[in-house]
Amino acid sequence: MRISIIIPTYGRPERLERATRSLLAQRRPPDELVIVVKSWDVASRTAAERLCCAGSGMAVRIATVEEASIIAAENAGMRAATGDVVCFMDDDAVAPPDWVEQITAYYADPRVGGVGG
């Protein structure tokens, strides 16, 4: 099962980097990270591009949106994501080391179609 994490971000590159570090420290790392930036947010795009080149082994994609809404950002992230399971994370969140592992465990049950929390 491939896990994609989508992080919409705007104007908080240092928090984005902290959030991403928490994903790199996962016991079960995600397969892909999709960072969604506003087209005019140069600082966040620069931080996202650094993460793409970090050599972590996790695929990092950058999606760009013109609209200022979170819905537009989340939709752009979903279009870019390639995982079987797609998770959303705020750019100012820090995931505990077992976050992806816990989410993945629920999908062992074929009756589960979605997990929130």
N, C-alpha and C. Protein backbone atom coordinates (compact mmCIF):
# COMPACT_ATOMS: atom_id res chain seq x y z
N MET A 1 0.84 -1.17 0.00
CA MET A 1 0.00 0.00 0.00
C MET A 1 0.89 1.24 0.00
N ARG A 2 0.64 2.12 -0.97
CA ARG A 2 1.41 3.37 -1.07
C ARG A 2 0.67 4.48 -0.33
N ILE A 3 1.41 5.21 0.48
CA ILE A 3 0.85 6.30 1.29
C ILE A 3 1.37 7.63 0.76
N SER A 4 0.43 8.53 0.43
CA SER A 4 0.77 9.90 0.03
C SER A 4 0.31 10.85 1.13
N ILE A 5 1.15 11.80 1.47
CA ILE A 5 0.80 12.86 2.42
C ILE A 5 0.74 14.16 1.63
N ILE A 6 -0.33 14.91 1.82
CA ILE A 6 -0.50 16.21 1.17
C ILE A 6 -0.40 17.29 2.23
N ILE A 7 0.48 18.25 1.98
CA ILE A 7 0.62 19.40 2.89
C ILE A 7 0.39 20.68 2.09
N PRO A 8 -0.78 21.31 2.22
CA PRO A 8 -0.96 22.64 1.65
C PRO A 8 -0.22 23.64 2.54
N THR A 9 0.46 24.58 1.94
CA THR A 9 1.23 25.53 2.75
C THR A 9 1.11 26.93 2.18
N TYR A 10 1.27 27.90 3.06
CA TYR A 10 1.28 29.29 2.62
C TYR A 10 2.03 30.14 3.64
N GLY A 11 3.15 30.67 3.24
CA GLY A 11 3.86 31.67 4.03
C GLY A 11 4.50 31.20 5.32
N ARG A 12 4.71 29.90 5.47
CA ARG A 12 5.33 29.40 6.70
C ARG A 12 6.41 28.37 6.36
N PRO A 13 7.43 28.77 5.63
CA PRO A 13 8.44 27.80 5.19
C PRO A 13 9.15 27.09 6.33
N GLU A 14 9.40 27.78 7.44
CA GLU A 14 10.09 27.13 8.55
C GLU A 14 9.20 26.08 9.20
N ARG A 15 7.92 26.32 9.25
CA ARG A 15 7.00 25.33 9.81
C ARG A 15 6.85 24.15 8.86
N LEU A 16 6.82 24.44 7.56
CA LEU A 16 6.76 23.39 6.56
C LEU A 16 7.96 22.45 6.71
N GLU A 17 9.13 23.01 6.90
CA GLU A 17 10.33 22.18 7.06
C GLU A 17 10.23 21.32 8.33
N ARG A 18 9.71 21.90 9.40
CA ARG A 18 9.55 21.13 10.65
C ARG A 18 8.54 19.99 10.45
N ALA A 19 7.44 20.30 9.78
CA ALA A 19 6.42 19.27 9.51
C ALA A 19 7.02 18.14 8.67
N THR A 20 7.80 18.51 7.68
CA THR A 20 8.40 17.51 6.80
C THR A 20 9.41 16.66 7.54
N ARG A 21 10.19 17.27 8.42
CA ARG A 21 11.14 16.48 9.22
C ARG A 21 10.40 15.42 10.04
N SER A 22 9.21 15.76 10.53
CA SER A 22 8.45 14.77 11.31
C SER A 22 8.00 13.61 10.43
N LEU A 23 7.80 13.86 9.15
CA LEU A 23 7.44 12.77 8.23
C LEU A 23 8.66 11.90 7.91
N LEU A 24 9.81 12.52 7.81
CA LEU A 24 11.04 11.77 7.55
C LEU A 24 11.40 10.87 8.73
N ALA A 25 10.91 11.21 9.92
CA ALA A 25 11.22 10.44 11.13
C ALA A 25 10.17 9.36 11.43
N GLN A 26 9.27 9.12 10.51
CA GLN A 26 8.23 8.11 10.73
C GLN A 26 8.83 6.71 10.78
N ARG A 27 8.28 5.87 11.65
CA ARG A 27 8.69 4.47 11.68
C ARG A 27 8.32 3.77 10.38
N ARG A 28 7.19 4.15 9.83
CA ARG A 28 6.75 3.68 8.52
C ARG A 28 6.62 4.94 7.67
N PRO A 29 7.69 5.32 6.96
CA PRO A 29 7.63 6.59 6.23
C PRO A 29 6.61 6.55 5.10
N PRO A 30 6.05 7.69 4.78
CA PRO A 30 5.15 7.75 3.63
C PRO A 30 5.96 7.51 2.35
N ASP A 31 5.27 7.09 1.32
CA ASP A 31 5.94 6.86 0.04
C ASP A 31 6.10 8.14 -0.75
N GLU A 32 5.23 9.10 -0.45
CA GLU A 32 5.21 10.32 -1.26
C GLU A 32 4.72 11.48 -0.40
N LEU A 33 5.31 12.63 -0.65
CA LEU A 33 4.87 13.88 -0.03
C LEU A 33 4.53 14.84 -1.16
N VAL A 34 3.32 15.39 -1.10
CA VAL A 34 2.89 16.40 -2.07
C VAL A 34 2.73 17.71 -1.31
N ILE A 35 3.56 18.68 -1.65
CA ILE A 35 3.49 20.01 -1.04
C ILE A 35 2.78 20.93 -2.02
N VAL A 36 1.72 21.56 -1.56
CA VAL A 36 0.95 22.46 -2.42
C VAL A 36 1.23 23.89 -2.01
N VAL A 37 1.74 24.68 -2.95
CA VAL A 37 2.10 26.07 -2.68
C VAL A 37 1.28 27.01 -3.56
N LYS A 38 1.06 28.19 -3.06
CA LYS A 38 0.42 29.25 -3.87
C LYS A 38 1.46 29.75 -4.87
N SER A 39 1.01 30.12 -6.04
CA SER A 39 1.94 30.50 -7.11
C SER A 39 2.80 31.71 -6.73
N TRP A 40 2.31 32.57 -5.87
CA TRP A 40 3.04 33.79 -5.50
C TRP A 40 3.85 33.64 -4.21
N ASP A 41 3.82 32.47 -3.58
CA ASP A 41 4.50 32.23 -2.31
C ASP A 41 5.91 31.70 -2.57
N VAL A 42 6.82 32.59 -2.86
CA VAL A 42 8.19 32.22 -3.24
C VAL A 42 8.91 31.52 -2.09
N ALA A 43 8.75 32.00 -0.87
CA ALA A 43 9.45 31.40 0.27
C ALA A 43 9.06 29.95 0.48
N SER A 44 7.78 29.65 0.40
CA SER A 44 7.33 28.27 0.58
C SER A 44 7.78 27.39 -0.57
N ARG A 45 7.75 27.91 -1.79
CA ARG A 45 8.21 27.14 -2.94
C ARG A 45 9.70 26.81 -2.80
N THR A 46 10.48 27.79 -2.35
CA THR A 46 11.92 27.57 -2.16
C THR A 46 12.16 26.48 -1.13
N ALA A 47 11.42 26.52 -0.02
CA ALA A 47 11.56 25.48 1.01
C ALA A 47 11.15 24.12 0.45
N ALA A 48 10.08 24.07 -0.31
CA ALA A 48 9.63 22.81 -0.91
C ALA A 48 10.66 22.27 -1.89
N GLU A 49 11.27 23.14 -2.66
CA GLU A 49 12.29 22.70 -3.62
C GLU A 49 13.51 22.13 -2.89
N ARG A 50 13.87 22.72 -1.75
CA ARG A 50 14.97 22.17 -0.95
C ARG A 50 14.64 20.75 -0.48
N LEU A 51 13.38 20.56 -0.10
CA LEU A 51 12.95 19.24 0.37
C LEU A 51 12.99 18.22 -0.76
N CYS A 52 12.70 18.65 -1.98
CA CYS A 52 12.76 17.75 -3.13
C CYS A 52 14.17 17.23 -3.35
N CYS A 53 15.13 18.02 -3.01
CA CYS A 53 16.54 17.67 -3.26
C CYS A 53 17.22 17.09 -2.03
N ALA A 54 16.48 16.82 -0.98
CA ALA A 54 17.08 16.41 0.29
C ALA A 54 17.63 14.99 0.27
N GLY A 55 17.28 14.20 -0.72
CA GLY A 55 17.80 12.84 -0.80
C GLY A 55 17.28 11.91 0.27
N SER A 56 16.03 12.10 0.68
CA SER A 56 15.46 11.31 1.77
C SER A 56 14.98 9.94 1.32
N GLY A 57 14.82 9.74 0.03
CA GLY A 57 14.24 8.49 -0.47
C GLY A 57 12.74 8.58 -0.61
N MET A 58 12.11 9.56 0.02
CA MET A 58 10.68 9.78 -0.11
C MET A 58 10.46 10.67 -1.34
N ALA A 59 9.55 10.28 -2.20
CA ALA A 59 9.24 11.11 -3.36
C ALA A 59 8.57 12.39 -2.88
N VAL A 60 9.03 13.52 -3.36
CA VAL A 60 8.45 14.81 -3.00
C VAL A 60 8.02 15.50 -4.28
N ARG A 61 6.75 15.87 -4.34
CA ARG A 61 6.22 16.59 -5.49
C ARG A 61 5.74 17.96 -5.02
N ILE A 62 5.81 18.91 -5.92
CA ILE A 62 5.29 20.24 -5.64
C ILE A 62 4.14 20.51 -6.60
N ALA A 63 3.00 20.87 -6.04
CA ALA A 63 1.84 21.28 -6.83
C ALA A 63 1.63 22.76 -6.57
N THR A 64 1.24 23.48 -7.59
CA THR A 64 1.04 24.93 -7.48
C THR A 64 -0.42 25.27 -7.76
N VAL A 65 -0.96 26.20 -6.98
CA VAL A 65 -2.32 26.67 -7.20
C VAL A 65 -2.33 28.19 -7.33
N GLU A 66 -3.29 28.68 -8.07
CA GLU A 66 -3.49 30.12 -8.23
C GLU A 66 -4.49 30.65 -7.21
N GLU A 67 -5.44 29.82 -6.84
CA GLU A 67 -6.50 30.24 -5.91
C GLU A 67 -5.98 30.28 -4.48
N ALA A 68 -6.59 31.14 -3.68
CA ALA A 68 -6.16 31.29 -2.30
C ALA A 68 -6.88 30.34 -1.34
N SER A 69 -7.78 29.50 -1.84
CA SER A 69 -8.58 28.67 -0.93
C SER A 69 -7.89 27.36 -0.58
N ILE A 70 -8.18 26.87 0.62
CA ILE A 70 -7.64 25.58 1.06
C ILE A 70 -8.23 24.46 0.22
N ILE A 71 -9.48 24.59 -0.19
CA ILE A 71 -10.11 23.56 -1.01
C ILE A 71 -9.38 23.41 -2.34
N ALA A 72 -9.01 24.52 -2.96
CA ALA A 72 -8.26 24.45 -4.21
C ALA A 72 -6.91 23.77 -3.98
N ALA A 73 -6.27 24.09 -2.86
CA ALA A 73 -4.96 23.48 -2.55
C ALA A 73 -5.11 21.98 -2.31
N GLU A 74 -6.11 21.58 -1.55
CA GLU A 74 -6.30 20.15 -1.28
C GLU A 74 -6.64 19.39 -2.56
N ASN A 75 -7.47 19.98 -3.40
CA ASN A 75 -7.81 19.32 -4.67
C ASN A 75 -6.58 19.18 -5.57
N ALA A 76 -5.74 20.21 -5.61
CA ALA A 76 -4.51 20.13 -6.40
C ALA A 76 -3.60 19.03 -5.86
N GLY A 77 -3.53 18.91 -4.55
CA GLY A 77 -2.73 17.86 -3.94
C GLY A 77 -3.26 16.48 -4.28
N MET A 78 -4.57 16.32 -4.26
CA MET A 78 -5.16 15.02 -4.59
C MET A 78 -4.91 14.67 -6.05
N ARG A 79 -4.94 15.65 -6.93
CA ARG A 79 -4.66 15.37 -8.35
C ARG A 79 -3.21 14.93 -8.54
N ALA A 80 -2.31 15.47 -7.74
CA ALA A 80 -0.88 15.16 -7.88
C ALA A 80 -0.49 13.86 -7.17
N ALA A 81 -1.23 13.47 -6.16
CA ALA A 81 -0.88 12.29 -5.35
C ALA A 81 -1.07 10.99 -6.14
N THR A 82 -0.19 10.04 -5.88
CA THR A 82 -0.26 8.75 -6.56
C THR A 82 -0.49 7.58 -5.60
N GLY A 83 -0.64 7.86 -4.33
CA GLY A 83 -0.78 6.79 -3.34
C GLY A 83 -2.15 6.14 -3.34
N ASP A 84 -2.19 4.94 -2.77
CA ASP A 84 -3.46 4.24 -2.57
C ASP A 84 -4.24 4.89 -1.42
N VAL A 85 -3.51 5.40 -0.45
CA VAL A 85 -4.09 6.11 0.68
C VAL A 85 -3.52 7.52 0.67
N VAL A 86 -4.40 8.50 0.80
CA VAL A 86 -3.99 9.91 0.79
C VAL A 86 -4.33 10.52 2.14
N CYS A 87 -3.34 11.13 2.78
CA CYS A 87 -3.52 11.77 4.08
C CYS A 87 -3.23 13.26 3.95
N PHE A 88 -3.92 14.05 4.72
CA PHE A 88 -3.68 15.49 4.75
C PHE A 88 -3.03 15.87 6.07
N MET A 89 -2.10 16.80 5.96
CA MET A 89 -1.41 17.30 7.15
C MET A 89 -1.24 18.81 7.01
N ASP A 90 -1.46 19.55 8.08
CA ASP A 90 -1.25 20.99 8.06
C ASP A 90 0.24 21.29 8.07
N ASP A 91 0.60 22.44 7.50
CA ASP A 91 2.02 22.81 7.44
C ASP A 91 2.60 23.18 8.79
N ASP A 92 1.76 23.41 9.78
CA ASP A 92 2.26 23.75 11.11
C ASP A 92 2.11 22.58 12.09
N ALA A 93 1.83 21.39 11.56
CA ALA A 93 1.68 20.20 12.41
C ALA A 93 3.00 19.44 12.48
N VAL A 94 3.14 18.67 13.54
CA VAL A 94 4.26 17.76 13.68
C VAL A 94 3.66 16.38 13.95
N ALA A 95 3.95 15.44 13.06
CA ALA A 95 3.39 14.09 13.19
C ALA A 95 4.18 13.27 14.19
N PRO A 96 3.51 12.59 15.11
CA PRO A 96 4.24 11.67 15.99
C PRO A 96 4.87 10.57 15.14
N PRO A 97 5.93 9.94 15.63
CA PRO A 97 6.69 8.97 14.82
C PRO A 97 5.89 7.77 14.33
N ASP A 98 4.74 7.50 14.93
CA ASP A 98 3.94 6.35 14.51
C ASP A 98 2.66 6.76 13.76
N TRP A 99 2.55 8.01 13.35
CA TRP A 99 1.33 8.51 12.70
C TRP A 99 0.99 7.71 11.45
N VAL A 100 1.89 7.58 10.51
CA VAL A 100 1.62 6.85 9.27
C VAL A 100 1.37 5.37 9.58
N GLU A 101 2.14 4.82 10.48
CA GLU A 101 1.99 3.42 10.87
C GLU A 101 0.58 3.16 11.42
N GLN A 102 0.09 4.06 12.26
CA GLN A 102 -1.25 3.90 12.84
C GLN A 102 -2.33 3.99 11.77
N ILE A 103 -2.19 4.94 10.87
CA ILE A 103 -3.17 5.09 9.80
C ILE A 103 -3.18 3.84 8.92
N THR A 104 -2.00 3.37 8.56
CA THR A 104 -1.87 2.21 7.69
C THR A 104 -2.52 0.97 8.32
N ALA A 105 -2.41 0.82 9.62
CA ALA A 105 -2.95 -0.36 10.30
C ALA A 105 -4.45 -0.51 10.08
N TYR A 106 -5.17 0.60 10.04
CA TYR A 106 -6.62 0.52 9.84
C TYR A 106 -6.98 -0.08 8.49
N TYR A 107 -6.15 0.15 7.50
CA TYR A 107 -6.45 -0.32 6.15
C TYR A 107 -6.20 -1.81 5.96
N ALA A 108 -5.72 -2.49 6.97
CA ALA A 108 -5.61 -3.95 6.91
C ALA A 108 -7.00 -4.58 6.90
N ASP A 109 -7.98 -3.85 7.38
CA ASP A 109 -9.38 -4.31 7.38
C ASP A 109 -10.01 -3.88 6.06
N PRO A 110 -10.42 -4.81 5.21
CA PRO A 110 -10.97 -4.44 3.90
C PRO A 110 -12.28 -3.66 3.97
N ARG A 111 -12.91 -3.62 5.15
CA ARG A 111 -14.14 -2.85 5.30
C ARG A 111 -13.88 -1.36 5.50
N VAL A 112 -12.64 -1.00 5.76
CA VAL A 112 -12.28 0.40 6.02
C VAL A 112 -12.05 1.11 4.70
N GLY A 113 -12.78 2.20 4.50
CA GLY A 113 -12.62 2.99 3.28
C GLY A 113 -12.00 4.35 3.55
N GLY A 114 -11.99 4.76 4.81
CA GLY A 114 -11.42 6.06 5.16
C GLY A 114 -11.16 6.15 6.65
N VAL A 115 -10.16 6.92 7.03
CA VAL A 115 -9.77 7.08 8.42
C VAL A 115 -9.61 8.57 8.68
N GLY A 116 -10.07 9.04 9.81
CA GLY A 116 -9.90 10.46 10.16
C GLY A 116 -9.38 10.57 11.57
N GLY A 117 -8.98 11.79 11.90
CA GLY A 117 -8.55 11.96 13.28
C GLY A 117 -7.49 12.98 13.44
